[in-house]
PDB file of all heavy atoms in Angstrom:
ATOM      1  N   PRO A   1      88.767 120.179 129.476  1.00  0.00           N
ATOM      2  CA  PRO A   1      88.588 121.238 130.476  1.00  0.00           C
ATOM      3  C   PRO A   1      88.586 122.621 129.829  1.00  0.00           C
ATOM      4  O   PRO A   1      89.487 122.958 129.052  1.00  0.00           O
ATOM      5  CB  PRO A   1      89.782 121.077 131.416  1.00  0.00           C
ATOM      6  CG  PRO A   1      90.663 120.043 130.828  1.00  0.00           C
ATOM      7  CD  PRO A   1      89.978 119.414 129.668  1.00  0.00           C
ATOM      8  N   ASP A   2      87.576 123.411 130.138  1.00  0.00           N
ATOM      9  CA  ASP A   2      87.424 124.738 129.545  1.00  0.00           C
ATOM     10  C   ASP A   2      87.907 125.811 130.528  1.00  0.00           C
ATOM     11  O   ASP A   2      87.269 126.041 131.552  1.00  0.00           O
ATOM     12  CB  ASP A   2      85.948 124.972 129.197  1.00  0.00           C
ATOM     13  CG  ASP A   2      85.705 126.276 128.470  1.00  0.00           C
ATOM     14  OD1 ASP A   2      86.641 127.111 128.375  1.00  0.00           O
ATOM     15  OD2 ASP A   2      84.574 126.469 128.006  1.00  0.00           O
ATOM     16  N   PRO A   3      89.037 126.468 130.204  1.00  0.00           N
ATOM     17  CA  PRO A   3      89.556 127.475 131.137  1.00  0.00           C
ATOM     18  C   PRO A   3      88.585 128.648 131.335  1.00  0.00           C
ATOM     19  O   PRO A   3      88.644 129.321 132.363  1.00  0.00           O
ATOM     20  CB  PRO A   3      90.857 127.950 130.504  1.00  0.00           C
ATOM     21  CG  PRO A   3      90.963 127.307 129.185  1.00  0.00           C
ATOM     22  CD  PRO A   3      89.883 126.288 129.049  1.00  0.00           C
ATOM     23  N   ALA A   4      87.686 128.885 130.412  1.00  0.00           N
ATOM     24  CA  ALA A   4      86.712 129.966 130.577  1.00  0.00           C
ATOM     25  C   ALA A   4      85.742 129.651 131.715  1.00  0.00           C
ATOM     26  O   ALA A   4      85.215 130.556 132.357  1.00  0.00           O
ATOM     27  CB  ALA A   4      85.939 130.194 129.275  1.00  0.00           C
ATOM     28  N   ILE A   5      85.517 128.376 131.985  1.00  0.00           N
ATOM     29  CA  ILE A   5      84.611 127.954 133.051  1.00  0.00           C
ATOM     30  C   ILE A   5      85.392 127.684 134.339  1.00  0.00           C
ATOM     31  O   ILE A   5      85.022 128.123 135.416  1.00  0.00           O
ATOM     32  CB  ILE A   5      83.823 126.700 132.629  1.00  0.00           C
ATOM     33  CG1 ILE A   5      82.907 127.039 131.459  1.00  0.00           C
ATOM     34  CG2 ILE A   5      83.029 126.130 133.801  1.00  0.00           C
ATOM     35  CD1 ILE A   5      82.262 125.835 130.804  1.00  0.00           C
ATOM     36  N   ILE A   6      86.510 126.965 134.212  1.00  0.00           N
ATOM     37  CA  ILE A   6      87.292 126.523 135.360  1.00  0.00           C
ATOM     38  C   ILE A   6      88.175 127.644 135.901  1.00  0.00           C
ATOM     39  O   ILE A   6      88.437 127.723 137.084  1.00  0.00           O
ATOM     40  CB  ILE A   6      88.149 125.306 134.969  1.00  0.00           C
ATOM     41  CG1 ILE A   6      87.247 124.142 134.583  1.00  0.00           C
ATOM     42  CG2 ILE A   6      89.075 124.897 136.094  1.00  0.00           C
ATOM     43  CD1 ILE A   6      87.959 122.987 133.955  1.00  0.00           C
ATOM     44  N   GLY A   7      88.650 128.501 135.037  1.00  0.00           N
ATOM     45  CA  GLY A   7      89.549 129.583 135.439  1.00  0.00           C
ATOM     46  C   GLY A   7      90.934 129.383 134.873  1.00  0.00           C
ATOM     47  O   GLY A   7      91.561 130.319 134.414  1.00  0.00           O
ATOM     48  N   TRP A   8      91.448 128.150 134.934  1.00  0.00           N
ATOM     49  CA  TRP A   8      92.757 127.844 134.347  1.00  0.00           C
ATOM     50  C   TRP A   8      92.901 126.327 134.232  1.00  0.00           C
ATOM     51  O   TRP A   8      92.234 125.568 134.931  1.00  0.00           O
ATOM     52  CB  TRP A   8      93.909 128.424 135.172  1.00  0.00           C
ATOM     53  CG  TRP A   8      94.006 127.873 136.565  1.00  0.00           C
ATOM     54  CD1 TRP A   8      93.424 128.406 137.684  1.00  0.00           C
ATOM     55  CD2 TRP A   8      94.707 126.705 136.992  1.00  0.00           C
ATOM     56  NE1 TRP A   8      93.720 127.631 138.772  1.00  0.00           N
ATOM     57  CE2 TRP A   8      94.507 126.583 138.383  1.00  0.00           C
ATOM     58  CE3 TRP A   8      95.478 125.742 136.344  1.00  0.00           C
ATOM     59  CZ2 TRP A   8      95.050 125.537 139.138  1.00  0.00           C
ATOM     60  CZ3 TRP A   8      96.012 124.700 137.096  1.00  0.00           C
ATOM     61  CH2 TRP A   8      95.808 124.612 138.465  1.00  0.00           C
ATOM     62  N   ILE A   9      93.758 125.919 133.329  1.00  0.00           N
ATOM     63  CA  ILE A   9      94.221 124.536 133.270  1.00  0.00           C
ATOM     64  C   ILE A   9      95.721 124.584 133.069  1.00  0.00           C
ATOM     65  O   ILE A   9      96.251 125.551 132.532  1.00  0.00           O
ATOM     66  CB  ILE A   9      93.578 123.688 132.155  1.00  0.00           C
ATOM     67  CG1 ILE A   9      93.942 124.210 130.769  1.00  0.00           C
ATOM     68  CG2 ILE A   9      92.083 123.592 132.332  1.00  0.00           C
ATOM     69  CD1 ILE A   9      93.533 123.281 129.643  1.00  0.00           C
ATOM     70  N   ARG A  10      96.404 123.561 133.540  1.00  0.00           N
ATOM     71  CA  ARG A  10      97.828 123.448 133.283  1.00  0.00           C
ATOM     72  C   ARG A  10      97.989 122.281 132.319  1.00  0.00           C
ATOM     73  O   ARG A  10      97.329 121.257 132.470  1.00  0.00           O
ATOM     74  CB  ARG A  10      98.586 123.202 134.578  1.00  0.00           C
ATOM     75  CG  ARG A  10     100.082 123.328 134.432  1.00  0.00           C
ATOM     76  CD  ARG A  10     100.766 123.507 135.771  1.00  0.00           C
ATOM     77  NE  ARG A  10     100.538 122.424 136.689  1.00  0.00           N
ATOM     78  CZ  ARG A  10     101.349 121.371 136.824  1.00  0.00           C
ATOM     79  NH1 ARG A  10     102.430 121.269 136.102  1.00  0.00           N
ATOM     80  NH2 ARG A  10     101.066 120.430 137.693  1.00  0.00           N
ATOM     81  N   SER A  11      98.837 122.456 131.325  1.00  0.00           N
ATOM     82  CA  SER A  11      99.005 121.392 130.341  1.00  0.00           C
ATOM     83  C   SER A  11     100.468 121.231 129.965  1.00  0.00           C
ATOM     84  O   SER A  11     101.269 122.139 130.118  1.00  0.00           O
ATOM     85  CB  SER A  11      98.170 121.666 129.082  1.00  0.00           C
ATOM     86  OG  SER A  11      98.637 122.806 128.415  1.00  0.00           O
ATOM     87  N   GLU A  12     100.775 120.042 129.473  1.00  0.00           N
ATOM     88  CA  GLU A  12     102.095 119.736 128.946  1.00  0.00           C
ATOM     89  C   GLU A  12     101.898 118.787 127.778  1.00  0.00           C
ATOM     90  O   GLU A  12     101.128 117.830 127.873  1.00  0.00           O
ATOM     91  CB  GLU A  12     102.980 119.096 130.010  1.00  0.00           C
ATOM     92  CG  GLU A  12     104.366 118.751 129.510  1.00  0.00           C
ATOM     93  CD  GLU A  12     105.264 118.194 130.604  1.00  0.00           C
ATOM     94  OE1 GLU A  12     105.004 118.444 131.791  1.00  0.00           O
ATOM     95  OE2 GLU A  12     106.215 117.500 130.250  1.00  0.00           O
ATOM     96  N   ASP A  13     102.580 119.060 126.688  1.00  0.00           N
ATOM     97  CA  ASP A  13     102.481 118.217 125.489  1.00  0.00           C
ATOM     98  C   ASP A  13     103.666 117.255 125.461  1.00  0.00           C
ATOM     99  O   ASP A  13     104.803 117.651 125.737  1.00  0.00           O
ATOM    100  CB  ASP A  13     102.475 119.061 124.232  1.00  0.00           C
ATOM    101  CG  ASP A  13     101.249 119.969 124.152  1.00  0.00           C
ATOM    102  OD1 ASP A  13     100.318 119.810 124.947  1.00  0.00           O
ATOM    103  OD2 ASP A  13     101.241 120.829 123.272  1.00  0.00           O
ATOM    104  N   ILE A  14     103.374 115.992 125.129  1.00  0.00           N
ATOM    105  CA  ILE A  14     104.399 114.972 124.991  1.00  0.00           C
ATOM    106  C   ILE A  14     104.107 114.162 123.745  1.00  0.00           C
ATOM    107  O   ILE A  14     103.042 114.280 123.144  1.00  0.00           O
ATOM    108  CB  ILE A  14     104.479 114.050 126.236  1.00  0.00           C
ATOM    109  CG1 ILE A  14     103.172 113.278 126.443  1.00  0.00           C
ATOM    110  CG2 ILE A  14     104.862 114.831 127.476  1.00  0.00           C
ATOM    111  CD1 ILE A  14     103.225 112.243 127.555  1.00  0.00           C
ATOM    112  N   GLU A  15     105.042 113.314 123.380  1.00  0.00           N
ATOM    113  CA  GLU A  15     104.830 112.408 122.257  1.00  0.00           C
ATOM    114  C   GLU A  15     105.215 111.009 122.695  1.00  0.00           C
ATOM    115  O   GLU A  15     106.251 110.811 123.329  1.00  0.00           O
ATOM    116  CB  GLU A  15     105.667 112.827 121.061  1.00  0.00           C
ATOM    117  CG  GLU A  15     105.391 111.989 119.825  1.00  0.00           C
ATOM    118  CD  GLU A  15     106.109 112.502 118.594  1.00  0.00           C
ATOM    119  OE1 GLU A  15     106.351 113.715 118.509  1.00  0.00           O
ATOM    120  OE2 GLU A  15     106.423 111.662 117.743  1.00  0.00           O
ATOM    121  N   ALA A  16     104.361 110.036 122.382  1.00  0.00           N
ATOM    122  CA  ALA A  16     104.631 108.639 122.695  1.00  0.00           C
ATOM    123  C   ALA A  16     103.933 107.781 121.653  1.00  0.00           C
ATOM    124  O   ALA A  16     102.811 108.086 121.240  1.00  0.00           O
ATOM    125  CB  ALA A  16     104.121 108.295 124.091  1.00  0.00           C
ATOM    126  N   ALA A  17     104.590 106.717 121.222  1.00  0.00           N
ATOM    127  CA  ALA A  17     104.034 105.796 120.219  1.00  0.00           C
ATOM    128  C   ALA A  17     103.567 106.552 118.981  1.00  0.00           C
ATOM    129  O   ALA A  17     102.540 106.236 118.401  1.00  0.00           O
ATOM    130  CB  ALA A  17     102.911 104.960 120.813  1.00  0.00           C
ATOM    131  N   ASP A  18     104.332 107.570 118.589  1.00  0.00           N
ATOM    132  CA  ASP A  18     104.016 108.402 117.414  1.00  0.00           C
ATOM    133  C   ASP A  18     102.666 109.118 117.528  1.00  0.00           C
ATOM    134  O   ASP A  18     102.044 109.446 116.525  1.00  0.00           O
ATOM    135  CB  ASP A  18     104.060 107.576 116.126  1.00  0.00           C
ATOM    136  CG  ASP A  18     105.471 107.083 115.831  1.00  0.00           C
ATOM    137  OD1 ASP A  18     106.432 107.823 116.140  1.00  0.00           O
ATOM    138  OD2 ASP A  18     105.594 105.972 115.295  1.00  0.00           O
ATOM    139  N   ILE A  19     102.211 109.324 118.752  1.00  0.00           N
ATOM    140  CA  ILE A  19     100.970 110.062 118.999  1.00  0.00           C
ATOM    141  C   ILE A  19     101.345 111.315 119.800  1.00  0.00           C
ATOM    142  O   ILE A  19     102.041 111.217 120.806  1.00  0.00           O
ATOM    143  CB  ILE A  19      99.944 109.228 119.784  1.00  0.00           C
ATOM    144  CG1 ILE A  19      99.551 107.982 118.988  1.00  0.00           C
ATOM    145  CG2 ILE A  19      98.703 110.061 120.115  1.00  0.00           C
ATOM    146  CD1 ILE A  19      98.641 107.034 119.746  1.00  0.00           C
ATOM    147  N   HIS A  20     100.872 112.454 119.369  1.00  0.00           N
ATOM    148  CA  HIS A  20     101.073 113.696 120.105  1.00  0.00           C
ATOM    149  C   HIS A  20      99.996 113.770 121.179  1.00  0.00           C
ATOM    150  O   HIS A  20      98.798 113.685 120.866  1.00  0.00           O
ATOM    151  CB  HIS A  20     101.002 114.914 119.179  1.00  0.00           C
ATOM    152  CG  HIS A  20     102.064 114.890 118.149  1.00  0.00           C
ATOM    153  ND1 HIS A  20     103.380 115.193 118.421  1.00  0.00           N
ATOM    154  CD2 HIS A  20     102.013 114.582 116.841  1.00  0.00           C
ATOM    155  CE1 HIS A  20     104.096 115.088 117.324  1.00  0.00           C
ATOM    156  NE2 HIS A  20     103.284 114.710 116.346  1.00  0.00           N
ATOM    157  N   LEU A  21     100.422 113.912 122.425  1.00  0.00           N
ATOM    158  CA  LEU A  21      99.516 113.911 123.565  1.00  0.00           C
ATOM    159  C   LEU A  21      99.597 115.216 124.333  1.00  0.00           C
ATOM    160  O   LEU A  21     100.639 115.862 124.355  1.00  0.00           O
ATOM    161  CB  LEU A  21      99.876 112.791 124.550  1.00  0.00           C
ATOM    162  CG  LEU A  21     100.019 111.386 124.005  1.00  0.00           C
ATOM    163  CD1 LEU A  21     100.573 110.485 125.086  1.00  0.00           C
ATOM    164  CD2 LEU A  21      98.675 110.889 123.546  1.00  0.00           C
ATOM    165  N   ARG A  22      98.512 115.566 124.975  1.00  0.00           N
ATOM    166  CA  ARG A  22      98.508 116.675 125.931  1.00  0.00           C
ATOM    167  C   ARG A  22      98.027 116.132 127.266  1.00  0.00           C
ATOM    168  O   ARG A  22      96.995 115.493 127.334  1.00  0.00           O
ATOM    169  CB  ARG A  22      97.609 117.811 125.470  1.00  0.00           C
ATOM    170  CG  ARG A  22      97.503 118.934 126.512  1.00  0.00           C
ATOM    171  CD  ARG A  22      96.895 120.184 125.965  1.00  0.00           C
ATOM    172  NE  ARG A  22      97.830 120.753 124.981  1.00  0.00           N
ATOM    173  CZ  ARG A  22      97.446 121.567 123.995  1.00  0.00           C
ATOM    174  NH1 ARG A  22      96.196 121.910 123.869  1.00  0.00           N
ATOM    175  NH2 ARG A  22      98.340 122.040 123.153  1.00  0.00           N
ATOM    176  N   MET A  23      98.803 116.425 128.300  1.00  0.00           N
ATOM    177  CA  MET A  23      98.388 116.109 129.663  1.00  0.00           C
ATOM    178  C   MET A  23      97.764 117.380 130.241  1.00  0.00           C
ATOM    179  O   MET A  23      98.317 118.464 130.065  1.00  0.00           O
ATOM    180  CB  MET A  23      99.594 115.708 130.516  1.00  0.00           C
ATOM    181  CG  MET A  23     100.311 114.472 130.014  1.00  0.00           C
ATOM    182  SD  MET A  23     101.672 113.932 131.078  1.00  0.00           S
ATOM    183  CE  MET A  23     102.868 115.247 130.818  1.00  0.00           C
ATOM    184  N   THR A  24      96.619 117.243 130.910  1.00  0.00           N
ATOM    185  CA  THR A  24      95.972 118.408 131.525  1.00  0.00           C
ATOM    186  C   THR A  24      95.649 118.133 132.985  1.00  0.00           C
ATOM    187  O   THR A  24      95.368 116.992 133.365  1.00  0.00           O
ATOM    188  CB  THR A  24      94.671 118.814 130.796  1.00  0.00           C
ATOM    189  OG1 THR A  24      93.725 117.748 130.875  1.00  0.00           O
ATOM    190  CG2 THR A  24      94.924 119.195 129.364  1.00  0.00           C
ATOM    191  N   ILE A  25      95.711 119.216 133.762  1.00  0.00           N
ATOM    192  CA  ILE A  25      95.309 119.205 135.164  1.00  0.00           C
ATOM    193  C   ILE A  25      94.469 120.461 135.390  1.00  0.00           C
ATOM    194  O   ILE A  25      94.805 121.532 134.895  1.00  0.00           O
ATOM    195  CB  ILE A  25      96.525 119.281 136.110  1.00  0.00           C
ATOM    196  CG1 ILE A  25      97.460 118.101 135.892  1.00  0.00           C
ATOM    197  CG2 ILE A  25      96.072 119.321 137.565  1.00  0.00           C
ATOM    198  CD1 ILE A  25      98.749 118.241 136.663  1.00  0.00           C
TER     199      ILE A  25
END
């Protein structure tokens, strides 16, 4: 998701199974 097009995104970073993840809405 591109905030320049959408206006904003909300994100949270987590880690699971030794993988760094970002959740976006």
